[in-house]
Amino acid sequence: MEHFIQQLVNGITLGSVYILMGIGLTLVFGILHIPNFAHGALYMLGGYVTLMMMTSVGVHYLIALVVSIFVVGFIAVLMERAVFHPLRKAPPIHDKIAAIGMMLFFEAFVLLVWGTEYQRMPTPYGNSIKIDAITITAQRILIIAVSIIVVALLYWFLKKTMIGASIIAMAQNREGAYLVGINANMVAMMTFFISGALAAIAAGLASPINLVFPAMGHLVIMKAFIIVIIGGMGSIPGAIFGGFLLGITESLGATYISSDYKDLIAFFLLVVIMTWKPTGLFAKGAH
């Protein structure tokens, strides 16, 4: 039983990272209808910016994480202004091609600047905490706690602020939002900033228990898309549920079946749920 609970905690930790990535991706798709394949590249940049701030500048881990949030959020806004905004009236395939192009550009940039080496990110929260028979590192507790706080703050922002209300209005009815005078450019930039910030938080939190390397966003972006599809495209509750479902299933599957099939479990889960409910589990109200 202790072993099961231990893996359940590990699954919740993994799911917390997936949730941050999934919400960022589903916000951009639900509001702007852009499948941002470059979201994984933002995750990678978040890891590198956090690491470089710690090793080159010498700031504390949490300060480096905050700097990474603003840097990657700003890069995401630039991405929207320079690439997606000019393509807003182009055929949908152009968005997808542009996103893949940016993903390749960011990876080539990182390879040029930081090389191909795998790098380990130090953390001041590496000590282990033992609760009964369960052992968990402080870093994993930090991942779960920060993810809960970030999701709660995002919910408050969307429900209680004027900018948040504008974002929700755009997601529900774009034409109606235009008619009542909502600034579509501001909403688009804010949505991309939030998306980039969430990717940076996910990378900064997960990197100390993984590694930092140029291809670190590949598998994460695939898992994020699976979560968004499972939960229902454009649904934030769906992304939260999908993230926890995928994280826990992967952790338990790797333990009780085989770690070799850990990534295969995600795609199996996608096929099963899509066969049962093709629109996703929380498709109501989603785009």
C-alpha atoms as a PDB file:
ATOM      1  CA  MET A   1       0.000   0.000   0.000  1.00  0.00           C
ATOM      2  CA  GLU A   2       2.859   2.386   0.861  1.00  0.00           C
ATOM      3  CA  HIS A   3       4.429   1.666  -2.532  1.00  0.00           C
ATOM      4  CA  PHE A   4       1.114   2.502  -4.264  1.00  0.00           C
ATOM      5  CA  ILE A   5       0.793   5.794  -2.369  1.00  0.00           C
ATOM      6  CA  GLN A   6       4.422   6.622  -3.190  1.00  0.00           C
ATOM      7  CA  GLN A   7       3.761   6.179  -6.912  1.00  0.00           C
ATOM      8  CA  LEU A   8       0.489   8.107  -6.585  1.00  0.00           C
ATOM      9  CA  VAL A   9       2.421  11.073  -5.170  1.00  0.00           C
ATOM     10  CA  ASN A  10       4.956  10.784  -8.009  1.00  0.00           C
ATOM     11  CA  GLY A  11       2.064  10.720 -10.478  1.00  0.00           C
ATOM     12  CA  ILE A  12       0.518  13.847  -8.967  1.00  0.00           C
ATOM     13  CA  THR A  13       3.908  15.578  -9.247  1.00  0.00           C
ATOM     14  CA  LEU A  14       4.184  14.621 -12.913  1.00  0.00           C
ATOM     15  CA  GLY A  15       0.558  15.573 -13.520  1.00  0.00           C
ATOM     16  CA  SER A  16       1.135  19.015 -11.979  1.00  0.00           C
ATOM     17  CA  VAL A  17       3.774  19.781 -14.627  1.00  0.00           C
ATOM     18  CA  TYR A  18       1.495  18.455 -17.372  1.00  0.00           C
ATOM     19  CA  ILE A  19      -1.352  20.654 -16.114  1.00  0.00           C
ATOM     20  CA  LEU A  20       0.714  23.846 -16.389  1.00  0.00           C
ATOM     21  CA  MET A  21       1.705  22.929 -19.941  1.00  0.00           C
ATOM     22  CA  GLY A  22      -1.797  21.803 -20.907  1.00  0.00           C
ATOM     23  CA  ILE A  23      -3.509  24.962 -19.630  1.00  0.00           C
ATOM     24  CA  GLY A  24      -1.130  27.214 -21.575  1.00  0.00           C
ATOM     25  CA  LEU A  25      -1.717  25.254 -24.749  1.00  0.00           C
ATOM     26  CA  THR A  26      -5.479  25.051 -24.342  1.00  0.00           C
ATOM     27  CA  LEU A  27      -5.788  28.798 -23.587  1.00  0.00           C
ATOM     28  CA  VAL A  28      -4.118  29.721 -26.885  1.00  0.00           C
ATOM     29  CA  PHE A  29      -6.180  27.199 -28.830  1.00  0.00           C
ATOM     30  CA  GLY A  30      -9.489  27.936 -27.105  1.00  0.00           C
ATOM     31  CA  ILE A  31      -9.226  31.716 -27.471  1.00  0.00           C
ATOM     32  CA  LEU A  32      -7.182  32.233 -30.641  1.00  0.00           C
ATOM     33  CA  HIS A  33      -7.723  28.833 -32.323  1.00  0.00           C
ATOM     34  CA  ILE A  34      -3.965  28.387 -32.813  1.00  0.00           C
ATOM     35  CA  PRO A  35      -2.449  24.902 -32.222  1.00  0.00           C
ATOM     36  CA  ASN A  36       0.881  26.231 -30.988  1.00  0.00           C
ATOM     37  CA  PHE A  37       3.387  23.472 -31.737  1.00  0.00           C
ATOM     38  CA  ALA A  38       6.146  25.840 -30.526  1.00  0.00           C
ATOM     39  CA  HIS A  39       4.780  25.612 -26.950  1.00  0.00           C
ATOM     40  CA  GLY A  40       7.349  22.874 -26.219  1.00  0.00           C
ATOM     41  CA  ALA A  41      10.111  25.237 -27.361  1.00  0.00           C
ATOM     42  CA  LEU A  42       8.887  27.824 -24.828  1.00  0.00           C
ATOM     43  CA  TYR A  43       9.145  25.091 -22.178  1.00  0.00           C
ATOM     44  CA  MET A  44      12.746  24.417 -23.274  1.00  0.00           C
ATOM     45  CA  LEU A  45      13.602  28.132 -23.176  1.00  0.00           C
ATOM     46  CA  GLY A  46      12.136  28.325 -19.679  1.00  0.00           C
ATOM     47  CA  GLY A  47      14.528  25.610 -18.527  1.00  0.00           C
ATOM     48  CA  TYR A  48      17.580  27.242 -20.102  1.00  0.00           C
ATOM     49  CA  VAL A  49      16.772  30.780 -18.906  1.00  0.00           C
ATOM     50  CA  THR A  50      16.275  29.544 -15.329  1.00  0.00           C
ATOM     51  CA  LEU A  51      19.499  27.521 -15.455  1.00  0.00           C
ATOM     52  CA  MET A  52      21.570  30.350 -16.957  1.00  0.00           C
ATOM     53  CA  MET A  53      20.264  32.861 -14.416  1.00  0.00           C
ATOM     54  CA  MET A  54      21.398  30.523 -11.629  1.00  0.00           C
ATOM     55  CA  THR A  55      24.778  29.477 -13.031  1.00  0.00           C
ATOM     56  CA  SER A  56      25.878  32.592 -14.968  1.00  0.00           C
ATOM     57  CA  VAL A  57      24.257  35.404 -12.975  1.00  0.00           C
ATOM     58  CA  GLY A  58      24.288  33.595  -9.641  1.00  0.00           C
ATOM     59  CA  VAL A  59      20.782  34.458  -8.438  1.00  0.00           C
ATOM     60  CA  HIS A  60      18.645  32.244  -6.182  1.00  0.00           C
ATOM     61  CA  TYR A  61      16.571  29.504  -7.791  1.00  0.00           C
ATOM     62  CA  LEU A  62      13.224  31.245  -7.111  1.00  0.00           C
ATOM     63  CA  ILE A  63      14.478  34.596  -8.473  1.00  0.00           C
ATOM     64  CA  ALA A  64      15.760  32.809 -11.603  1.00  0.00           C
ATOM     65  CA  LEU A  65      12.327  31.225 -11.988  1.00  0.00           C
ATOM     66  CA  VAL A  66      10.580  34.615 -11.780  1.00  0.00           C
ATOM     67  CA  VAL A  67      12.984  36.112 -14.353  1.00  0.00           C
ATOM     68  CA  SER A  68      12.325  33.133 -16.631  1.00  0.00           C
ATOM     69  CA  ILE A  69       8.561  33.709 -16.360  1.00  0.00           C
ATOM     70  CA  PHE A  70       8.874  37.269 -17.667  1.00  0.00           C
ATOM     71  CA  VAL A  71      11.516  36.463 -20.321  1.00  0.00           C
ATOM     72  CA  VAL A  72       9.615  33.522 -21.813  1.00  0.00           C
ATOM     73  CA  GLY A  73       6.287  35.359 -21.485  1.00  0.00           C
ATOM     74  CA  PHE A  74       7.786  38.269 -23.431  1.00  0.00           C
ATOM     75  CA  ILE A  75       9.153  35.888 -26.092  1.00  0.00           C
ATOM     76  CA  ALA A  76       5.659  34.377 -26.425  1.00  0.00           C
ATOM     77  CA  VAL A  77       4.175  37.861 -26.912  1.00  0.00           C
ATOM     78  CA  LEU A  78       6.794  38.615 -29.585  1.00  0.00           C
ATOM     79  CA  MET A  79       5.867  35.329 -31.231  1.00  0.00           C
ATOM     80  CA  GLU A  80       2.212  36.375 -31.373  1.00  0.00           C
ATOM     81  CA  ARG A  81       2.966  39.882 -32.683  1.00  0.00           C
ATOM     82  CA  ALA A  82       5.625  38.917 -35.246  1.00  0.00           C
ATOM     83  CA  VAL A  83       4.237  35.637 -36.555  1.00  0.00           C
ATOM     84  CA  PHE A  84       0.670  34.713 -35.601  1.00  0.00           C
ATOM     85  CA  HIS A  85      -0.895  38.181 -35.751  1.00  0.00           C
ATOM     86  CA  PRO A  86       0.099  38.786 -39.404  1.00  0.00           C
ATOM     87  CA  LEU A  87      -1.310  35.312 -40.222  1.00  0.00           C
ATOM     88  CA  ARG A  88      -4.693  35.858 -38.527  1.00  0.00           C
ATOM     89  CA  LYS A  89      -6.545  35.979 -41.872  1.00  0.00           C
ATOM     90  CA  ALA A  90      -4.435  33.316 -43.604  1.00  0.00           C
ATOM     91  CA  PRO A  91      -5.610  29.685 -44.043  1.00  0.00           C
ATOM     92  CA  PRO A  92      -5.308  27.634 -40.809  1.00  0.00           C
ATOM     93  CA  ILE A  93      -2.445  25.521 -42.179  1.00  0.00           C
ATOM     94  CA  HIS A  94      -0.218  28.620 -42.160  1.00  0.00           C
ATOM     95  CA  ASP A  95      -0.426  28.854 -38.348  1.00  0.00           C
ATOM     96  CA  LYS A  96       0.699  25.255 -38.007  1.00  0.00           C
ATOM     97  CA  ILE A  97       3.610  25.654 -40.417  1.00  0.00           C
ATOM     98  CA  ALA A  98       4.706  28.863 -38.690  1.00  0.00           C
ATOM     99  CA  ALA A  99       4.565  27.189 -35.254  1.00  0.00           C
ATOM    100  CA  ILE A 100       6.723  24.279 -36.432  1.00  0.00           C
ATOM    101  CA  GLY A 101       9.147  26.758 -37.996  1.00  0.00           C
ATOM    102  CA  MET A 102       9.485  28.650 -34.716  1.00  0.00           C
ATOM    103  CA  MET A 103      10.008  25.418 -32.800  1.00  0.00           C
ATOM    104  CA  LEU A 104      12.904  24.514 -35.112  1.00  0.00           C
ATOM    105  CA  PHE A 105      14.294  28.055 -34.905  1.00  0.00           C
ATOM    106  CA  PHE A 106      14.354  28.074 -31.087  1.00  0.00           C
ATOM    107  CA  GLU A 107      15.998  24.642 -30.958  1.00  0.00           C
ATOM    108  CA  ALA A 108      18.662  25.704 -33.448  1.00  0.00           C
ATOM    109  CA  PHE A 109      19.263  28.866 -31.393  1.00  0.00           C
ATOM    110  CA  VAL A 110      19.716  26.876 -28.180  1.00  0.00           C
ATOM    111  CA  LEU A 111      22.064  24.413 -29.908  1.00  0.00           C
ATOM    112  CA  LEU A 112      24.138  27.334 -31.200  1.00  0.00           C
ATOM    113  CA  VAL A 113      24.337  29.128 -27.849  1.00  0.00           C
ATOM    114  CA  TRP A 114      24.430  26.316 -25.280  1.00  0.00           C
ATOM    115  CA  GLY A 115      25.397  23.233 -27.306  1.00  0.00           C
ATOM    116  CA  THR A 116      24.026  19.702 -27.157  1.00  0.00           C
ATOM    117  CA  GLU A 117      25.141  18.764 -23.638  1.00  0.00           C
ATOM    118  CA  TYR A 118      22.675  17.598 -21.022  1.00  0.00           C
ATOM    119  CA  GLN A 119      22.832  19.919 -18.005  1.00  0.00           C
ATOM    120  CA  ARG A 120      21.622  19.448 -14.454  1.00  0.00           C
ATOM    121  CA  MET A 121      19.824  22.286 -12.670  1.00  0.00           C
ATOM    122  CA  PRO A 122      20.719  22.632  -8.965  1.00  0.00           C
ATOM    123  CA  THR A 123      17.935  23.204  -6.465  1.00  0.00           C
ATOM    124  CA  PRO A 124      17.954  24.385  -2.851  1.00  0.00           C
ATOM    125  CA  TYR A 125      15.007  22.038  -2.244  1.00  0.00           C
ATOM    126  CA  GLY A 126      16.734  18.704  -2.866  1.00  0.00           C
ATOM    127  CA  ASN A 127      16.324  17.334   0.660  1.00  0.00           C
ATOM    128  CA  SER A 128      13.931  14.443   1.232  1.00  0.00           C
ATOM    129  CA  ILE A 129      11.006  14.489   3.632  1.00  0.00           C
ATOM    130  CA  LYS A 130       9.705  11.239   5.125  1.00  0.00           C
ATOM    131  CA  ILE A 131       6.016  11.020   6.020  1.00  0.00           C
ATOM    132  CA  ASP A 132       5.283   7.614   7.551  1.00  0.00           C
ATOM    133  CA  ALA A 133       6.519   5.210   4.859  1.00  0.00           C
ATOM    134  CA  ILE A 134       6.317   7.810   2.074  1.00  0.00           C
ATOM    135  CA  THR A 135       9.467   9.661   0.994  1.00  0.00           C
ATOM    136  CA  ILE A 136       9.173  12.810  -1.093  1.00  0.00           C
ATOM    137  CA  THR A 137      11.686  15.509  -1.941  1.00  0.00           C
ATOM    138  CA  ALA A 138      10.972  19.144  -1.115  1.00  0.00           C
ATOM    139  CA  GLN A 139      11.275  19.923  -4.842  1.00  0.00           C
ATOM    140  CA  ARG A 140       8.325  17.627  -5.633  1.00  0.00           C
ATOM    141  CA  ILE A 141       6.270  19.252  -2.875  1.00  0.00           C
ATOM    142  CA  LEU A 142       7.197  22.627  -4.384  1.00  0.00           C
ATOM    143  CA  ILE A 143       5.997  21.465  -7.829  1.00  0.00           C
ATOM    144  CA  ILE A 144       2.598  20.386  -6.484  1.00  0.00           C
ATOM    145  CA  ALA A 145       2.153  23.469  -4.270  1.00  0.00           C
ATOM    146  CA  VAL A 146       3.170  25.998  -6.938  1.00  0.00           C
ATOM    147  CA  SER A 147       0.954  24.315  -9.539  1.00  0.00           C
ATOM    148  CA  ILE A 148      -2.088  24.528  -7.231  1.00  0.00           C
ATOM    149  CA  ILE A 149      -1.367  28.188  -6.429  1.00  0.00           C
ATOM    150  CA  VAL A 150      -0.807  29.109 -10.088  1.00  0.00           C
ATOM    151  CA  VAL A 151      -4.032  27.413 -11.217  1.00  0.00           C
ATOM    152  CA  ALA A 152      -5.975  29.121  -8.397  1.00  0.00           C
ATOM    153  CA  LEU A 153      -4.501  32.534  -9.282  1.00  0.00           C
ATOM    154  CA  LEU A 154      -5.278  31.977 -12.969  1.00  0.00           C
ATOM    155  CA  TYR A 155      -8.870  31.063 -12.100  1.00  0.00           C
ATOM    156  CA  TRP A 156      -9.180  34.229  -9.991  1.00  0.00           C
ATOM    157  CA  PHE A 157      -7.636  36.329 -12.777  1.00  0.00           C
ATOM    158  CA  LEU A 158     -10.017  34.973 -15.420  1.00  0.00           C
ATOM    159  CA  LYS A 159     -13.131  35.249 -13.232  1.00  0.00           C
ATOM    160  CA  LYS A 160     -12.538  38.420 -11.220  1.00  0.00           C
ATOM    161  CA  THR A 161     -10.608  40.870 -13.403  1.00  0.00           C
ATOM    162  CA  MET A 162     -11.681  42.911 -16.412  1.00  0.00           C
ATOM    163  CA  ILE A 163      -8.862  41.543 -18.583  1.00  0.00           C
ATOM    164  CA  GLY A 164      -9.780  38.002 -17.554  1.00  0.00           C
ATOM    165  CA  ALA A 165     -13.423  38.655 -18.449  1.00  0.00           C
ATOM    166  CA  SER A 166     -12.296  39.903 -21.866  1.00  0.00           C
ATOM    167  CA  ILE A 167     -10.303  36.709 -22.417  1.00  0.00           C
ATOM    168  CA  ILE A 168     -13.309  34.548 -21.480  1.00  0.00           C
ATOM    169  CA  ALA A 169     -15.569  36.624 -23.741  1.00  0.00           C
ATOM    170  CA  MET A 170     -13.171  36.077 -26.641  1.00  0.00           C
ATOM    171  CA  ALA A 171     -13.144  32.336 -25.947  1.00  0.00           C
ATOM    172  CA  GLN A 172     -16.936  32.137 -25.856  1.00  0.00           C
ATOM    173  CA  ASN A 173     -17.769  34.320 -28.841  1.00  0.00           C
ATOM    174  CA  ARG A 174     -15.072  36.088 -30.813  1.00  0.00           C
ATOM    175  CA  GLU A 175     -17.441  38.037 -33.064  1.00  0.00           C
ATOM    176  CA  GLY A 176     -19.544  39.144 -30.101  1.00  0.00           C
ATOM    177  CA  ALA A 177     -16.427  40.264 -28.241  1.00  0.00           C
ATOM    178  CA  TYR A 178     -15.398  42.399 -31.217  1.00  0.00           C
ATOM    179  CA  LEU A 179     -18.871  43.979 -31.366  1.00  0.00           C
ATOM    180  CA  VAL A 180     -18.784  45.100 -27.712  1.00  0.00           C
ATOM    181  CA  GLY A 181     -15.378  46.731 -28.214  1.00  0.00           C
ATOM    182  CA  ILE A 182     -13.000  44.254 -26.587  1.00  0.00           C
ATOM    183  CA  ASN A 183      -9.408  44.929 -27.642  1.00  0.00           C
ATOM    184  CA  ALA A 184      -8.565  41.733 -29.508  1.00  0.00           C
ATOM    185  CA  ASN A 185      -4.854  42.586 -29.784  1.00  0.00           C
ATOM    186  CA  MET A 186      -4.534  43.071 -26.041  1.00  0.00           C
ATOM    187  CA  VAL A 187      -6.354  39.796 -25.353  1.00  0.00           C
ATOM    188  CA  ALA A 188      -4.142  37.925 -27.827  1.00  0.00           C
ATOM    189  CA  MET A 189      -0.930  39.298 -26.287  1.00  0.00           C
ATOM    190  CA  MET A 190      -2.120  38.603 -22.734  1.00  0.00           C
ATOM    191  CA  THR A 191      -3.106  35.049 -23.684  1.00  0.00           C
ATOM    192  CA  PHE A 192       0.316  34.348 -25.196  1.00  0.00           C
ATOM    193  CA  PHE A 193       2.081  35.921 -22.198  1.00  0.00           C
ATOM    194  CA  ILE A 194       0.156  33.649 -19.803  1.00  0.00           C
ATOM    195  CA  SER A 195       0.871  30.642 -22.010  1.00  0.00           C
ATOM    196  CA  GLY A 196       4.620  31.396 -22.102  1.00  0.00           C
ATOM    197  CA  ALA A 197       4.721  32.113 -18.367  1.00  0.00           C
ATOM    198  CA  LEU A 198       3.049  28.774 -17.568  1.00  0.00           C
ATOM    199  CA  ALA A 199       5.555  26.932 -19.800  1.00  0.00           C
ATOM    200  CA  ALA A 200       8.441  28.685 -18.004  1.00  0.00           C
ATOM    201  CA  ILE A 201       7.038  27.766 -14.570  1.00  0.00           C
ATOM    202  CA  ALA A 202       6.597  24.123 -15.637  1.00  0.00           C
ATOM    203  CA  ALA A 203      10.163  23.933 -16.979  1.00  0.00           C
ATOM    204  CA  GLY A 204      11.718  25.724 -14.001  1.00  0.00           C
ATOM    205  CA  LEU A 205       9.961  23.402 -11.558  1.00  0.00           C
ATOM    206  CA  ALA A 206      10.534  20.140 -13.442  1.00  0.00           C
ATOM    207  CA  SER A 207      14.155  20.681 -14.555  1.00  0.00           C
ATOM    208  CA  PRO A 208      15.783  19.965 -11.150  1.00  0.00           C
ATOM    209  CA  ILE A 209      14.270  16.450 -11.158  1.00  0.00           C
ATOM    210  CA  ASN A 210      15.004  15.936 -14.853  1.00  0.00           C
ATOM    211  CA  LEU A 211      17.681  17.467 -17.080  1.00  0.00           C
ATOM    212  CA  VAL A 212      17.994  20.534 -19.307  1.00  0.00           C
ATOM    213  CA  PHE A 213      18.730  19.789 -22.973  1.00  0.00           C
ATOM    214  CA  PRO A 214      17.669  21.127 -26.410  1.00  0.00           C
ATOM    215  CA  ALA A 215      15.055  18.426 -27.116  1.00  0.00           C
ATOM    216  CA  MET A 216      13.438  18.548 -23.649  1.00  0.00           C
ATOM    217  CA  GLY A 217      10.246  20.076 -25.071  1.00  0.00           C
ATOM    218  CA  HIS A 218       9.520  17.329 -27.621  1.00  0.00           C
ATOM    219  CA  LEU A 219       7.923  14.729 -25.384  1.00  0.00           C
ATOM    220  CA  VAL A 220       6.330  17.339 -23.121  1.00  0.00           C
ATOM    221  CA  ILE A 221       4.504  19.061 -25.994  1.00  0.00           C
ATOM    222  CA  MET A 222       3.176  15.700 -27.209  1.00  0.00           C
ATOM    223  CA  LYS A 223       1.878  14.948 -23.719  1.00  0.00           C
ATOM    224  CA  ALA A 224       0.367  18.449 -23.505  1.00  0.00           C
ATOM    225  CA  PHE A 225      -1.516  17.922 -26.767  1.00  0.00           C
ATOM    226  CA  ILE A 226      -2.759  14.541 -25.519  1.00  0.00           C
ATOM    227  CA  ILE A 227      -4.011  16.213 -22.325  1.00  0.00           C
ATOM    228  CA  VAL A 228      -5.762  18.975 -24.271  1.00  0.00           C
ATOM    229  CA  ILE A 229      -7.417  16.465 -26.620  1.00  0.00           C
ATOM    230  CA  ILE A 230      -8.464  14.166 -23.775  1.00  0.00           C
ATOM    231  CA  GLY A 231      -9.901  17.031 -21.742  1.00  0.00           C
ATOM    232  CA  GLY A 232     -11.593  18.731 -24.691  1.00  0.00           C
ATOM    233  CA  MET A 233      -9.916  21.344 -26.862  1.00  0.00           C
ATOM    234  CA  GLY A 234     -10.093  24.742 -25.156  1.00  0.00           C
ATOM    235  CA  SER A 235     -11.305  23.450 -21.775  1.00  0.00           C
ATOM    236  CA  ILE A 236      -9.250  24.490 -18.704  1.00  0.00           C
ATOM    237  CA  PRO A 237     -11.019  22.007 -16.351  1.00  0.00           C
ATOM    238  CA  GLY A 238     -10.370  19.375 -19.008  1.00  0.00           C
ATOM    239  CA  ALA A 239      -6.645  20.236 -19.025  1.00  0.00           C
ATOM    240  CA  ILE A 240      -6.501  19.947 -15.218  1.00  0.00           C
ATOM    241  CA  PHE A 241      -8.287  16.595 -15.186  1.00  0.00           C
ATOM    242  CA  GLY A 242      -6.304  15.320 -18.179  1.00  0.00           C
ATOM    243  CA  GLY A 243      -2.986  16.332 -16.600  1.00  0.00           C
ATOM    244  CA  PHE A 244      -3.668  14.479 -13.365  1.00  0.00           C
ATOM    245  CA  LEU A 245      -5.099  11.469 -15.228  1.00  0.00           C
ATOM    246  CA  LEU A 246      -2.059  11.187 -17.495  1.00  0.00           C
ATOM    247  CA  GLY A 247       0.504  11.784 -14.740  1.00  0.00           C
ATOM    248  CA  ILE A 248      -0.989   9.226 -12.353  1.00  0.00           C
ATOM    249  CA  THR A 249      -1.585   6.659 -15.114  1.00  0.00           C
ATOM    250  CA  GLU A 250       2.003   6.986 -16.346  1.00  0.00           C
ATOM    251  CA  SER A 251       3.464   6.668 -12.854  1.00  0.00           C
ATOM    252  CA  LEU A 252       1.383   3.626 -11.903  1.00  0.00           C
ATOM    253  CA  GLY A 253       1.838   2.066 -15.339  1.00  0.00           C
ATOM    254  CA  ALA A 254       5.633   2.464 -15.197  1.00  0.00           C
ATOM    255  CA  THR A 255       5.645   0.782 -11.769  1.00  0.00           C
ATOM    256  CA  TYR A 256       3.195  -2.068 -12.219  1.00  0.00           C
ATOM    257  CA  ILE A 257       3.615  -2.770 -15.971  1.00  0.00           C
ATOM    258  CA  SER A 258       7.002  -1.522 -17.224  1.00  0.00           C
ATOM    259  CA  SER A 259       8.840   1.787 -17.406  1.00  0.00           C
ATOM    260  CA  ASP A 260       9.559   0.938 -21.064  1.00  0.00           C
ATOM    261  CA  TYR A 261       5.862   1.470 -21.805  1.00  0.00           C
ATOM    262  CA  LYS A 262       5.510   4.708 -19.803  1.00  0.00           C
ATOM    263  CA  ASP A 263       5.185   6.949 -22.843  1.00  0.00           C
ATOM    264  CA  LEU A 264       3.115   4.397 -24.751  1.00  0.00           C
ATOM    265  CA  ILE A 265       0.506   4.529 -21.976  1.00  0.00           C
ATOM    266  CA  ALA A 266      -0.272   8.160 -22.863  1.00  0.00           C
ATOM    267  CA  PHE A 267      -1.120   7.284 -26.453  1.00  0.00           C
ATOM    268  CA  PHE A 268      -3.106   4.201 -25.388  1.00  0.00           C
ATOM    269  CA  LEU A 269      -5.121   6.418 -23.040  1.00  0.00           C
ATOM    270  CA  LEU A 270      -5.725   8.860 -25.890  1.00  0.00           C
ATOM    271  CA  VAL A 271      -7.019   6.110 -28.200  1.00  0.00           C
ATOM    272  CA  VAL A 272      -9.343   4.660 -25.526  1.00  0.00           C
ATOM    273  CA  ILE A 273     -10.874   8.015 -24.577  1.00  0.00           C
ATOM    274  CA  MET A 274     -11.172   9.215 -28.174  1.00  0.00           C
ATOM    275  CA  THR A 275     -12.954   5.965 -29.068  1.00  0.00           C
ATOM    276  CA  TRP A 276     -15.373   6.414 -26.177  1.00  0.00           C
ATOM    277  CA  LYS A 277     -15.826  10.191 -26.441  1.00  0.00           C
ATOM    278  CA  PRO A 278     -14.270  11.724 -29.581  1.00  0.00           C
ATOM    279  CA  THR A 279     -14.904  15.328 -28.475  1.00  0.00           C
ATOM    280  CA  GLY A 280     -12.959  14.932 -25.206  1.00  0.00           C
ATOM    281  CA  LEU A 281     -14.170  14.485 -21.627  1.00  0.00           C
ATOM    282  CA  PHE A 282     -14.955  18.177 -21.006  1.00  0.00           C
ATOM    283  CA  ALA A 283     -15.938  19.176 -24.520  1.00  0.00           C
ATOM    284  CA  LYS A 284     -19.040  21.133 -23.442  1.00  0.00           C
ATOM    285  CA  GLY A 285     -18.339  24.806 -24.023  1.00  0.00           C
ATOM    286  CA  ALA A 286     -14.994  24.096 -25.659  1.00  0.00           C
ATOM    287  CA  HIS A 287     -14.027  24.965 -29.221  1.00  0.00           C
END
